[in-house]
Amino acid sequence: MATYIQANIPGMISCNLRSKKVDQSSILSGSYRRPKTLLSSKCSTSGSDGLVESLWRQFDFSDRRRTSSTKINGENSKCLLNPTVALLGKKSKRVHKITRTSSLSDIAKELIVQASLKDSDMKSKVDPKSVACMILGGGAGTRLFPLTKRRAKSAVPIGGSYRLIDIQMSNCINSGLKKVYVLTQFNSAPLNRHISRSYNCSTCRDKFVEVLAATQTLEDSRWSVGTADAVRRFSWIFDDIRNQSVEYVLTLSGDHLYHMDYMDFVQSHHNSGADITVSCLPLFAMNGNEISPKDLMEVDLDTGQISYTYDDDTIHHGSKLSAMVLQSSKEKSKKTNNVASMGLYVFKKDVLLKLLNWCYPKANHFDSEVIPAAVKEFDVQAYVFTDYWQDVGTIKSYFEANLSFTDEPSKFGFYDPARPVYTSPRHLPPTIMDHSRIAHSIVAHGCFLQNCSIKHSVVGLRSRISNGVNLNDVVMLGADDYETDEEREALTLLGKIPMGIGENTRISKCIIDKDARIGKNVILTNTDGVQEANHPLEGVYIRSGIIIISEGALIHDGVVI
């Protein structure tokens, strides 16, 4: 019986490989040995020779003990009747198929399995040293004002003890990434200080965290005006000797809340052979996040490629968008290919530099300019993320995300030992609680709580809450320093208000920024239901019905809001 193997390798050759005629019984008995001359004169390419040699080495007949027939798909068939193995490829993807003139034997199926294993081995694991991460933390954060009045958006405190940038930094550390850049611009001093104190990595070539603060140069005196523009201005860093091994660039936003293994994201990009990969959420997983029409995409379920197909009515009015999100569910999402971009991208380094410096040198934003244009010329793939993700770029989403940490179980956890969240080591003492009632709340280190009631709230570092205070649905960011007992007594004697919350004060649905001074018998409950208000002289703002006491604000005794 003659055995034929046909190997079709894209971009290389197509050759027929014919062995000598052998007796079927010799194969079944294990006495058959591969002939020394395997390749016919039709195929003399060394690459094909290597492939066939590899297949023959993997396909060992020595342990085969089979009967003369086997049952496949309910039919009896003779063993090994001219199997044909086709290795097909598209954009570096290989799909293994088998066709047969009659039926497949166990040996033929074994050959396919071994070929598949060989192909999977060809998809090498990405080295974290070949990935550079750029965290975009320099946005003005206008939607988070007044919390961003004196600090960058990524430096806004969250969860009692952390800052927003800690989420992305911890994801990088937990993913094994060793080359991290943080791009800053607006109100960057607090963020720069926090990065230097919290993530002071060694200065060796392969491991670092660096802040890239926006600067003006003789060639360009403008400030960065978007995410793509910010990365373009620092594209020269890839000429650094430390980045010679970099093959992929991961760009992240600094104001998102989620746990992700970034190396899984990069590995998916590598395996697909894509030029760009966009991390996306199915619509049912949006968790109430606001969706911009420019973030909506369609995914080709066969190739994984994304496209933008929404018309002007969707972009300008959002009517179709609202209906699409409201009608979304897990079951329906399985039948649709609509996803929303998370603002996370993996680029091949050369592709990123080409996009920013040559293809679209005037483009300022990745989401609305670079990516929609790139899908027409480059291979742009989707990476679907179904875990918890929250954009905390607005006052409402920030407030709700903080309070959600008190839920049991919480959608986002700071307590997972497999995915710890890191921050600056402050070495504060434990919190003191004197006759206080705490329910469904988080209280950070170094606080003084005296005979107070706290429910469904987050109390930040070094907070002081006096006798008779009642907090409900409050996010209190704490203080940057302590006032001694002597200083507090002196302020009281002078008729001034010490830092913290005074006696018999009631507060609900409120964000209290750092170092605020709130007097006695104050009521902050928004009893009139005001949705939007600005009182900058008093340091009081209202956004979406949420009261905000700005950093360092002074609220006198007896004030009612």
Protein backbone atom coordinates (compact mmCIF):
# COMPACT_ATOMS: atom_id res chain seq x y z
CA MET A 1 0.00 0.00 0.00
CA ALA A 2 1.40 3.44 -0.92
CA THR A 3 1.22 6.30 1.55
CA TYR A 4 1.12 9.93 0.40
CA ILE A 5 1.54 13.10 2.45
CA GLN A 6 0.73 16.43 0.83
CA ALA A 7 2.05 19.58 2.54
CA ASN A 8 0.90 23.02 1.40
CA ILE A 9 2.91 25.82 3.04
CA PRO A 10 1.69 29.40 2.26
CA GLY A 11 4.30 31.55 0.58
CA MET A 12 6.73 28.60 0.27
CA ILE A 13 6.05 25.50 -1.81
CA SER A 14 3.55 22.76 -2.48
CA CYS A 15 5.09 19.33 -2.74
CA ASN A 16 4.04 15.68 -2.84
CA LEU A 17 5.97 13.34 -0.63
CA ARG A 18 5.83 9.66 -1.54
CA SER A 19 7.14 6.79 0.48
CA LYS A 20 7.99 3.35 -0.71
CA LYS A 21 5.24 0.81 -0.95
CA VAL A 22 5.00 -1.05 2.31
CA ASP A 23 2.98 -3.95 3.52
CA GLN A 24 0.13 -2.94 5.86
CA SER A 25 0.99 -5.76 8.26
CA SER A 26 4.48 -4.37 8.78
CA ILE A 27 2.98 -1.07 9.94
CA LEU A 28 0.60 -2.77 12.32
CA SER A 29 3.28 -5.03 13.75
CA GLY A 30 5.65 -2.16 14.41
CA SER A 31 8.43 -3.60 12.23
CA TYR A 32 8.17 -0.88 9.58
CA ARG A 33 11.05 1.61 9.40
CA ARG A 34 11.05 4.91 7.55
CA PRO A 35 12.96 4.73 4.26
CA LYS A 36 16.16 6.71 4.00
CA THR A 37 15.04 8.35 0.77
CA LEU A 38 11.71 9.95 1.50
CA LEU A 39 11.39 12.97 -0.76
CA SER A 40 10.62 12.65 -4.44
CA SER A 41 12.45 14.67 -7.06
CA LYS A 42 9.49 17.04 -7.24
CA CYS A 43 10.40 18.56 -3.90
CA SER A 44 13.97 19.50 -3.07
CA THR A 45 13.50 22.51 -0.80
CA SER A 46 15.30 22.25 2.52
CA GLY A 47 12.38 23.85 4.37
CA SER A 48 10.01 21.11 3.18
CA ASP A 49 12.56 18.47 4.04
CA GLY A 50 12.70 19.84 7.58
CA LEU A 51 8.90 19.77 7.89
CA VAL A 52 8.61 16.18 6.67
CA GLU A 53 11.52 15.01 8.79
CA SER A 54 9.83 16.61 11.80
CA LEU A 55 6.52 14.93 11.02
CA TRP A 56 8.19 11.56 10.62
CA ARG A 57 10.08 11.95 13.88
CA GLN A 58 6.87 12.81 15.72
CA PHE A 59 4.93 10.00 14.06
CA ASP A 60 6.57 7.01 15.75
CA PHE A 61 5.24 3.63 14.59
CA SER A 62 7.17 1.59 17.13
CA ASP A 63 4.39 1.45 19.73
CA ARG A 64 1.47 0.86 17.38
CA ARG A 65 -0.47 -2.34 18.14
CA ARG A 66 -3.69 -2.22 16.15
CA THR A 67 -6.11 -4.65 14.57
CA SER A 68 -6.65 -4.70 10.84
CA SER A 69 -9.68 -2.40 11.06
CA THR A 70 -10.98 0.38 13.26
CA LYS A 71 -14.37 2.01 13.78
CA ILE A 72 -14.59 5.73 12.92
CA ASN A 73 -17.85 7.69 13.01
CA GLY A 74 -19.79 4.47 13.30
CA GLU A 75 -18.23 2.88 10.18
CA ASN A 76 -15.70 0.07 9.87
CA SER A 77 -12.75 1.11 7.74
CA LYS A 78 -9.40 -0.30 6.75
CA CYS A 79 -6.34 1.19 8.33
CA LEU A 80 -4.52 4.11 6.66
CA LEU A 81 -5.90 4.50 3.16
CA ASN A 82 -4.13 7.43 1.51
CA PRO A 83 -4.66 10.21 4.08
CA THR A 84 -4.03 13.73 2.84
CA VAL A 85 -2.96 16.37 5.35
CA ALA A 86 -3.34 20.01 4.34
CA LEU A 87 -1.69 22.76 6.33
CA LEU A 88 -3.37 26.02 5.42
CA GLY A 89 -2.39 29.52 6.50
CA LYS A 90 -3.79 33.02 6.49
CA LYS A 91 -1.99 35.99 8.01
CA SER A 92 0.32 33.69 9.93
CA LYS A 93 -2.65 31.67 11.27
CA ARG A 94 -2.61 27.95 10.53
CA VAL A 95 -5.72 25.82 10.42
CA HIS A 96 -5.29 22.06 10.19
CA LYS A 97 -7.73 20.11 8.07
CA ILE A 98 -7.82 16.59 6.75
CA THR A 99 -9.43 15.17 3.65
CA ARG A 100 -9.59 11.51 2.78
CA THR A 101 -10.41 9.30 -0.15
CA SER A 102 -12.21 6.86 2.12
CA SER A 103 -12.04 6.85 5.95
CA LEU A 104 -9.50 8.04 8.51
CA SER A 105 -7.53 5.65 10.64
CA ASP A 106 -6.29 6.26 14.14
CA ILE A 107 -2.82 6.74 12.70
CA ALA A 108 -4.00 9.48 10.37
CA LYS A 109 -5.76 11.25 13.22
CA GLU A 110 -2.62 10.96 15.31
CA LEU A 111 -0.68 12.65 12.53
CA ILE A 112 -3.08 15.59 12.58
CA VAL A 113 -2.83 15.94 16.35
CA GLN A 114 0.97 15.92 16.21
CA ALA A 115 0.96 18.53 13.43
CA SER A 116 -1.36 20.72 15.50
CA LEU A 117 0.93 20.43 18.51
CA LYS A 118 3.88 21.39 16.36
CA ASP A 119 2.03 24.46 15.11
CA SER A 120 1.06 25.55 18.62
CA ASP A 121 4.70 25.32 19.65
CA MET A 122 5.54 27.75 16.86
CA LYS A 123 3.48 30.42 18.68
CA SER A 124 6.18 31.39 21.13
CA LYS A 125 5.47 32.97 24.46
CA VAL A 126 6.02 36.73 24.49
CA ASP A 127 8.87 37.94 26.70
CA PRO A 128 7.69 40.77 29.02
CA LYS A 129 10.98 42.52 28.26
CA SER A 130 9.77 42.97 24.68
CA VAL A 131 6.77 45.04 25.85
CA ALA A 132 6.83 48.74 26.73
CA CYS A 133 3.82 50.13 28.58
CA MET A 134 2.69 53.76 28.32
CA ILE A 135 0.10 54.94 30.87
CA LEU A 136 -1.64 58.13 29.76
CA GLY A 137 -2.12 60.06 32.99
CA GLY A 138 -1.91 63.62 31.75
CA GLY A 139 -5.52 64.48 30.94
CA ALA A 140 -7.09 67.62 32.37
CA GLY A 141 -9.90 65.60 33.95
CA THR A 142 -12.56 68.26 33.48
CA ARG A 143 -15.37 65.79 34.18
CA LEU A 144 -13.85 65.07 37.61
CA PHE A 145 -13.56 68.73 38.59
CA PRO A 146 -13.22 69.95 41.37
CA LEU A 147 -11.34 66.79 42.42
CA THR A 148 -8.85 67.61 39.64
CA LYS A 149 -8.52 71.27 40.58
CA ARG A 150 -5.02 70.74 42.00
CA ARG A 151 -4.12 67.22 40.90
CA ALA A 152 -3.97 65.13 37.73
CA LYS A 153 -6.87 62.81 37.06
CA SER A 154 -4.74 59.73 37.68
CA ALA A 155 -3.69 61.08 41.10
CA VAL A 156 -7.25 61.30 42.46
CA PRO A 157 -7.57 59.16 45.65
CA ILE A 158 -9.79 56.08 45.54
CA GLY A 159 -10.75 53.28 47.91
CA GLY A 160 -9.56 55.07 51.04
CA SER A 161 -5.82 54.42 50.61
CA TYR A 162 -5.04 54.39 46.89
CA ARG A 163 -4.86 56.63 43.84
CA LEU A 164 -6.27 55.84 40.41
CA ILE A 165 -2.82 55.35 38.91
CA ASP A 166 -2.22 52.51 41.39
CA ILE A 167 -4.73 50.32 39.53
CA GLN A 168 -2.83 50.43 36.24
CA MET A 169 0.57 50.24 37.94
CA SER A 170 -0.51 47.17 39.93
CA ASN A 171 -1.83 45.50 36.78
CA CYS A 172 1.57 46.09 35.17
CA ILE A 173 3.45 44.66 38.15
CA ASN A 174 1.14 41.65 38.46
CA SER A 175 1.50 41.02 34.71
CA GLY A 176 5.29 40.99 34.91
CA LEU A 177 5.82 44.12 32.80
CA LYS A 178 9.14 45.78 33.54
CA LYS A 179 9.23 48.82 31.24
CA VAL A 180 6.59 51.34 32.27
CA TYR A 181 6.25 54.99 31.28
CA VAL A 182 3.70 57.36 32.84
CA LEU A 183 2.87 60.35 30.62
CA THR A 184 1.77 63.45 32.56
CA GLN A 185 0.86 67.05 31.77
CA PHE A 186 -1.90 68.82 33.76
CA ASN A 187 -1.35 69.37 37.50
CA SER A 188 1.35 66.73 37.35
CA ALA A 189 3.25 67.45 40.60
CA PRO A 190 1.11 65.24 42.93
CA LEU A 191 1.18 62.38 40.41
CA ASN A 192 4.92 62.66 39.82
CA ARG A 193 5.53 62.68 43.57
CA HIS A 194 3.32 59.64 44.13
CA ILE A 195 5.02 57.63 41.35
CA SER A 196 8.51 58.42 42.66
CA ARG A 197 7.57 57.43 46.22
CA SER A 198 5.57 54.32 45.37
CA TYR A 199 7.35 52.71 42.41
CA ASN A 200 11.02 53.53 42.80
CA CYS A 201 12.33 50.60 40.78
CA SER A 202 16.00 49.86 40.33
CA THR A 203 17.76 51.71 37.55
CA CYS A 204 18.89 48.59 35.72
CA ARG A 205 18.38 48.49 31.99
CA ASP A 206 15.50 45.99 31.90
CA LYS A 207 13.35 47.25 34.79
CA PHE A 208 12.09 50.79 35.33
CA VAL A 209 9.13 53.08 35.93
CA GLU A 210 9.61 56.57 34.49
CA VAL A 211 7.50 59.70 34.43
CA LEU A 212 7.48 61.51 31.09
CA ALA A 213 6.24 65.02 31.84
CA ALA A 214 5.01 67.05 28.88
CA THR A 215 7.53 69.68 27.81
CA GLN A 216 7.85 72.47 25.30
CA THR A 217 10.73 72.35 22.84
CA LEU A 218 12.28 74.66 20.27
CA GLU A 219 10.65 72.58 17.54
CA ASP A 220 7.19 72.53 19.14
CA SER A 221 6.03 74.93 21.83
CA ARG A 222 2.51 73.47 22.08
CA TRP A 223 1.22 71.19 24.82
CA SER A 224 -0.12 67.75 24.00
CA VAL A 225 -3.74 67.86 22.85
CA GLY A 226 -4.69 64.18 22.90
CA THR A 227 -3.63 60.63 23.62
CA ALA A 228 -1.99 60.01 20.25
CA ASP A 229 -0.27 63.39 20.31
CA ALA A 230 1.14 62.66 23.77
CA VAL A 231 2.64 59.34 22.65
CA ARG A 232 3.97 60.89 19.42
CA ARG A 233 5.91 63.53 21.37
CA PHE A 234 7.75 60.80 23.25
CA SER A 235 8.24 58.38 20.36
CA TRP A 236 11.97 59.12 20.56
CA ILE A 237 12.21 56.96 23.70
CA PHE A 238 12.11 53.85 21.52
CA ASP A 239 15.58 54.78 20.27
CA ASP A 240 16.84 54.39 23.84
CA ILE A 241 19.24 51.48 24.30
CA ARG A 242 16.94 50.06 26.99
CA ASN A 243 14.16 49.69 24.42
CA GLN A 244 16.10 47.97 21.66
CA SER A 245 14.37 44.68 22.46
CA VAL A 246 10.87 46.22 22.51
CA GLU A 247 8.53 44.73 19.91
CA TYR A 248 5.14 45.75 21.30
CA VAL A 249 3.76 48.93 22.87
CA LEU A 250 0.83 48.79 25.28
CA THR A 251 -1.06 52.06 25.82
CA LEU A 252 -3.38 52.45 28.82
CA SER A 253 -5.70 55.06 30.27
CA GLY A 254 -5.01 56.20 33.82
CA ASP A 255 -8.61 56.51 35.05
CA HIS A 256 -10.08 53.01 34.66
CA LEU A 257 -10.92 50.46 37.34
CA TYR A 258 -10.31 46.78 36.48
CA HIS A 259 -8.01 43.79 36.96
CA MET A 260 -6.32 42.50 33.81
CA ASP A 261 -3.37 40.31 32.92
CA TYR A 262 -1.76 42.55 30.32
CA MET A 263 0.54 39.77 29.13
CA ASP A 264 -2.50 37.71 28.15
CA PHE A 265 -3.63 40.73 26.14
CA VAL A 266 -0.22 41.02 24.46
CA GLN A 267 0.02 37.27 23.88
CA SER A 268 -3.35 37.31 22.10
CA HIS A 269 -2.06 40.13 19.92
CA HIS A 270 1.11 38.19 19.14
CA ASN A 271 -0.74 34.96 18.32
CA SER A 272 -3.13 36.71 15.94
CA GLY A 273 -0.32 38.41 14.03
CA ALA A 274 -2.30 41.67 14.12
CA ASP A 275 -0.78 45.12 13.71
CA ILE A 276 -3.06 46.57 16.39
CA THR A 277 -5.27 44.93 19.00
CA VAL A 278 -8.05 46.82 20.78
CA SER A 279 -9.36 45.64 24.14
CA CYS A 280 -13.17 45.64 23.95
CA LEU A 281 -16.19 44.99 26.13
CA PRO A 282 -19.38 43.27 24.99
CA LEU A 283 -22.26 45.66 25.55
CA PHE A 284 -23.83 43.58 28.33
CA ALA A 285 -20.62 44.03 30.39
CA MET A 286 -20.65 47.84 30.33
CA ASN A 287 -21.85 48.08 33.98
CA GLY A 288 -23.63 51.35 33.36
CA ASN A 289 -20.56 53.01 31.83
CA GLU A 290 -21.23 55.91 29.52
CA ILE A 291 -20.53 54.88 25.92
CA SER A 292 -19.40 57.32 23.29
CA PRO A 293 -20.49 56.45 19.73
CA LYS A 294 -16.87 56.68 18.63
CA ASP A 295 -16.08 53.74 20.94
CA LEU A 296 -18.59 51.39 19.28
CA MET A 297 -17.22 48.80 16.88
CA GLU A 298 -18.23 45.67 15.05
CA VAL A 299 -16.13 42.51 15.15
CA ASP A 300 -15.89 40.04 12.29
CA LEU A 301 -16.62 36.77 14.08
CA ASP A 302 -14.50 34.79 11.59
CA THR A 303 -11.33 36.90 11.46
CA GLY A 304 -11.56 38.93 14.69
CA GLN A 305 -11.04 42.15 12.75
CA ILE A 306 -12.91 45.28 13.81
CA SER A 307 -14.73 47.90 11.77
CA TYR A 308 -16.61 51.15 12.32
CA THR A 309 -19.96 51.19 10.53
CA TYR A 310 -22.16 53.65 12.43
CA ASP A 311 -23.83 56.47 10.56
CA ASP A 312 -24.12 60.16 11.39
CA ASP A 313 -27.45 59.68 13.20
CA THR A 314 -25.80 57.33 15.68
CA ILE A 315 -22.81 59.59 16.18
CA HIS A 316 -24.69 62.87 16.60
CA HIS A 317 -27.91 61.80 18.28
CA GLY A 318 -27.08 58.51 19.95
CA SER A 319 -30.61 57.14 19.44
CA LYS A 320 -29.45 53.84 17.99
CA LEU A 321 -26.70 53.64 20.59
CA SER A 322 -29.12 53.95 23.52
CA ALA A 323 -31.42 51.28 22.10
CA MET A 324 -28.47 49.01 21.42
CA VAL A 325 -27.20 49.20 25.01
CA LEU A 326 -30.60 48.97 26.69
CA GLN A 327 -31.53 45.86 24.71
CA SER A 328 -28.17 44.20 25.32
CA SER A 329 -27.94 41.03 27.37
CA LYS A 330 -25.62 38.06 27.70
CA GLU A 331 -27.83 35.90 25.51
CA LYS A 332 -28.22 38.54 22.82
CA SER A 333 -24.52 39.37 22.93
CA LYS A 334 -23.73 35.84 21.83
CA LYS A 335 -25.62 36.52 18.60
CA THR A 336 -24.21 39.97 17.89
CA ASN A 337 -20.77 41.35 17.12
CA ASN A 338 -21.14 44.83 18.66
CA VAL A 339 -18.49 45.78 21.22
CA ALA A 340 -17.22 48.95 22.89
CA SER A 341 -13.58 49.99 23.06
CA MET A 342 -11.97 50.17 26.52
CA GLY A 343 -9.27 52.58 25.33
CA LEU A 344 -6.52 49.96 25.75
CA TYR A 345 -4.35 49.15 22.73
CA VAL A 346 -1.42 46.92 21.80
CA PHE A 347 0.66 48.00 18.80
CA LYS A 348 3.56 46.50 17.01
CA LYS A 349 6.23 49.08 17.74
CA ASP A 350 7.05 49.72 14.09
CA VAL A 351 3.36 50.06 13.24
CA LEU A 352 2.80 52.57 16.05
CA LEU A 353 5.70 54.75 14.91
CA LYS A 354 4.51 54.56 11.31
CA LEU A 355 0.95 55.53 12.27
CA LEU A 356 1.95 58.51 14.41
CA ASN A 357 4.84 59.93 12.41
CA TRP A 358 3.99 59.07 8.81
CA CYS A 359 0.41 57.96 8.21
CA TYR A 360 -1.45 60.36 10.51
CA PRO A 361 1.04 62.97 11.81
CA LYS A 362 -1.77 65.43 12.58
CA ALA A 363 -4.05 63.00 14.44
CA ASN A 364 -4.45 63.81 18.13
CA HIS A 365 -6.57 60.96 19.51
CA PHE A 366 -6.35 57.19 19.24
CA ASP A 367 -10.05 56.45 19.73
CA SER A 368 -11.58 58.93 17.29
CA GLU A 369 -8.83 59.39 14.71
CA VAL A 370 -5.97 56.90 14.58
CA ILE A 371 -7.77 53.59 15.15
CA PRO A 372 -10.81 54.28 12.87
CA ALA A 373 -8.41 55.26 10.08
CA ALA A 374 -6.04 52.36 10.70
CA VAL A 375 -8.72 49.66 10.27
CA LYS A 376 -8.81 50.49 6.56
CA GLU A 377 -5.12 49.80 5.99
CA PHE A 378 -3.88 47.61 8.85
CA ASP A 379 -4.87 44.37 10.54
CA VAL A 380 -6.76 45.59 13.63
CA GLN A 381 -8.07 42.83 15.90
CA ALA A 382 -10.37 42.78 18.94
CA TYR A 383 -9.52 41.35 22.37
CA VAL A 384 -12.81 40.79 24.19
CA PHE A 385 -12.66 41.39 27.95
CA THR A 386 -15.64 40.19 30.00
CA ASP A 387 -14.49 40.89 33.57
CA TYR A 388 -15.45 43.97 35.62
CA TRP A 389 -14.37 47.29 34.10
CA GLN A 390 -15.39 50.79 35.16
CA ASP A 391 -14.57 54.19 33.73
CA VAL A 392 -14.33 56.53 36.73
CA GLY A 393 -13.88 59.68 34.68
CA THR A 394 -17.01 61.45 36.00
CA ILE A 395 -18.06 62.51 39.49
CA LYS A 396 -21.04 60.16 39.46
CA SER A 397 -19.08 57.10 38.31
CA TYR A 398 -16.26 57.90 40.74
CA PHE A 399 -18.68 58.24 43.65
CA GLU A 400 -20.55 55.04 42.83
CA ALA A 401 -17.35 53.07 42.27
CA ASN A 402 -16.01 54.04 45.70
CA LEU A 403 -19.22 53.05 47.46
CA SER A 404 -19.29 49.75 45.55
CA PHE A 405 -16.09 48.74 47.35
CA THR A 406 -18.19 48.36 50.51
CA ASP A 407 -20.49 45.79 48.88
CA GLU A 408 -20.16 42.11 49.70
CA PRO A 409 -18.99 40.73 47.41
CA SER A 410 -17.43 43.75 45.75
CA LYS A 411 -17.24 43.89 41.96
CA PHE A 412 -13.68 45.14 42.26
CA GLY A 413 -11.53 43.82 45.07
CA PHE A 414 -8.45 45.18 46.80
CA TYR A 415 -8.16 41.98 48.84
CA ASP A 416 -7.23 39.35 46.23
CA PRO A 417 -3.78 37.98 47.18
CA ALA A 418 -3.28 36.81 43.60
CA ARG A 419 -3.83 40.36 42.28
CA PRO A 420 -2.68 42.80 44.98
CA VAL A 421 -3.03 46.55 44.53
CA TYR A 422 0.11 48.49 45.44
CA THR A 423 0.52 52.06 46.64
CA SER A 424 2.87 54.29 48.61
CA PRO A 425 3.97 52.83 51.99
CA ARG A 426 2.92 55.48 54.52
CA HIS A 427 3.64 53.63 57.79
CA LEU A 428 0.55 54.99 59.53
CA PRO A 429 -0.77 53.68 62.87
CA PRO A 430 -4.04 51.73 63.10
CA THR A 431 -7.32 53.62 63.29
CA ILE A 432 -8.76 54.47 66.72
CA MET A 433 -12.53 53.90 67.11
CA ASP A 434 -14.17 55.09 70.31
CA HIS A 435 -17.81 53.99 70.78
CA SER A 436 -18.42 54.26 67.04
CA ARG A 437 -20.88 52.33 64.88
CA ILE A 438 -19.52 51.23 61.49
CA ALA A 439 -21.64 49.38 58.92
CA HIS A 440 -20.75 48.36 55.34
CA SER A 441 -17.87 50.82 55.22
CA ILE A 442 -14.14 51.09 54.60
CA VAL A 443 -11.96 52.96 57.10
CA ALA A 444 -8.31 53.56 56.15
CA HIS A 445 -5.30 53.76 58.46
CA GLY A 446 -4.52 56.56 60.87
CA CYS A 447 -8.09 57.77 61.55
CA PHE A 448 -9.71 59.03 64.78
CA LEU A 449 -13.40 58.11 65.12
CA GLN A 450 -15.15 59.33 68.26
CA ASN A 451 -18.70 58.16 69.08
CA CYS A 452 -19.90 58.52 65.48
CA SER A 453 -22.07 56.56 63.06
CA ILE A 454 -20.75 55.61 59.62
CA LYS A 455 -22.83 53.67 57.10
CA HIS A 456 -22.05 52.68 53.50
CA SER A 457 -19.11 55.07 53.30
CA VAL A 458 -15.39 55.23 52.58
CA VAL A 459 -13.19 57.07 55.10
CA GLY A 460 -9.71 58.01 53.89
CA LEU A 461 -6.32 58.26 55.55
CA ARG A 462 -5.89 60.42 58.69
CA SER A 463 -9.59 61.38 58.85
CA ARG A 464 -10.94 62.88 62.09
CA ILE A 465 -14.66 62.44 62.85
CA SER A 466 -16.02 63.93 66.05
CA ASN A 467 -18.72 63.01 68.55
CA GLY A 468 -22.28 62.67 67.23
CA VAL A 469 -21.38 62.77 63.52
CA ASN A 470 -23.57 60.74 61.16
CA LEU A 471 -22.22 59.75 57.72
CA ASN A 472 -24.28 57.90 55.12
CA ASP A 473 -23.12 57.36 51.50
CA VAL A 474 -20.04 59.53 51.98
CA VAL A 475 -16.62 59.36 50.31
CA MET A 476 -14.14 61.14 52.59
CA LEU A 477 -10.64 61.41 51.13
CA GLY A 478 -8.90 62.16 54.44
CA ALA A 479 -5.92 64.44 55.05
CA ASP A 480 -2.29 64.80 53.98
CA ASP A 481 -1.06 65.47 57.50
CA TYR A 482 -2.08 65.51 61.15
CA GLU A 483 -2.93 68.38 63.45
CA THR A 484 -1.73 67.80 66.99
CA ASP A 485 -4.13 68.03 69.92
CA GLU A 486 -2.46 71.30 70.96
CA GLU A 487 -2.96 72.79 67.51
CA ARG A 488 -6.62 71.76 67.46
CA GLU A 489 -7.26 73.27 70.89
CA ALA A 490 -5.59 76.51 69.84
CA LEU A 491 -7.73 76.73 66.70
CA THR A 492 -10.89 76.14 68.74
CA LEU A 493 -9.96 78.89 71.23
CA LEU A 494 -9.45 81.28 68.32
CA GLY A 495 -12.89 80.44 66.93
CA LYS A 496 -11.43 78.56 63.99
CA ILE A 497 -12.35 75.10 62.77
CA PRO A 498 -9.89 72.19 63.08
CA MET A 499 -9.36 69.74 60.24
CA GLY A 500 -12.00 67.01 59.95
CA ILE A 501 -15.73 66.92 60.77
CA GLY A 502 -17.13 68.75 63.82
CA GLU A 503 -19.62 67.48 66.39
CA ASN A 504 -23.25 66.61 65.60
CA THR A 505 -22.86 67.02 61.84
CA ARG A 506 -24.99 65.02 59.35
CA ILE A 507 -23.70 64.29 55.88
CA SER A 508 -25.09 62.10 53.10
CA LYS A 509 -24.40 61.60 49.38
CA CYS A 510 -21.26 63.68 49.54
CA ILE A 511 -17.58 63.65 48.52
CA ILE A 512 -15.27 65.40 50.99
CA ASP A 513 -11.86 66.18 49.50
CA LYS A 514 -8.62 66.23 51.48
CA ASP A 515 -7.89 68.63 54.34
CA ALA A 516 -11.47 69.94 54.47
CA ARG A 517 -12.65 71.65 57.68
CA ILE A 518 -16.32 71.12 58.49
CA GLY A 519 -17.75 72.77 61.61
CA LYS A 520 -20.27 71.68 64.22
CA ASN A 521 -24.00 71.10 63.60
CA VAL A 522 -23.57 71.20 59.82
CA ILE A 523 -26.12 69.49 57.55
CA LEU A 524 -24.92 68.43 54.09
CA THR A 525 -27.77 66.38 52.61
CA ASN A 526 -28.89 68.36 49.50
CA THR A 527 -32.44 68.54 50.84
CA ASP A 528 -33.56 70.62 47.83
CA GLY A 529 -32.39 67.99 45.35
CA VAL A 530 -30.16 70.35 43.36
CA GLN A 531 -28.43 68.58 40.48
CA GLU A 532 -25.77 71.08 39.44
CA ALA A 533 -24.30 74.01 41.37
CA ASN A 534 -21.02 75.94 41.69
CA HIS A 535 -19.95 77.91 44.78
CA PRO A 536 -16.18 78.22 44.34
CA LEU A 537 -15.70 80.83 47.06
CA GLU A 538 -17.20 78.48 49.65
CA GLY A 539 -15.54 75.45 48.08
CA VAL A 540 -18.89 73.71 47.48
CA TYR A 541 -20.04 72.12 44.23
CA ILE A 542 -22.89 69.81 43.24
CA ARG A 543 -22.62 67.34 40.36
CA SER A 544 -25.43 64.89 39.49
CA GLY A 545 -26.99 65.63 42.89
CA ILE A 546 -23.74 64.76 44.72
CA ILE A 547 -22.31 67.41 47.06
CA ILE A 548 -18.56 67.97 46.71
CA ILE A 549 -16.53 69.76 49.38
CA SER A 550 -13.31 70.78 47.63
CA GLU A 551 -9.79 70.36 48.94
CA GLY A 552 -9.02 72.59 51.92
CA ALA A 553 -12.56 74.05 51.99
CA LEU A 554 -13.98 75.64 55.16
CA ILE A 555 -17.62 74.98 56.13
CA HIS A 556 -18.69 77.09 59.11
CA ASP A 557 -20.77 75.89 62.06
CA GLY A 558 -24.48 75.43 61.41
CA VAL A 559 -24.33 75.57 57.58
CA VAL A 560 -27.16 73.70 55.81
CA ILE A 561 -26.88 72.60 52.17
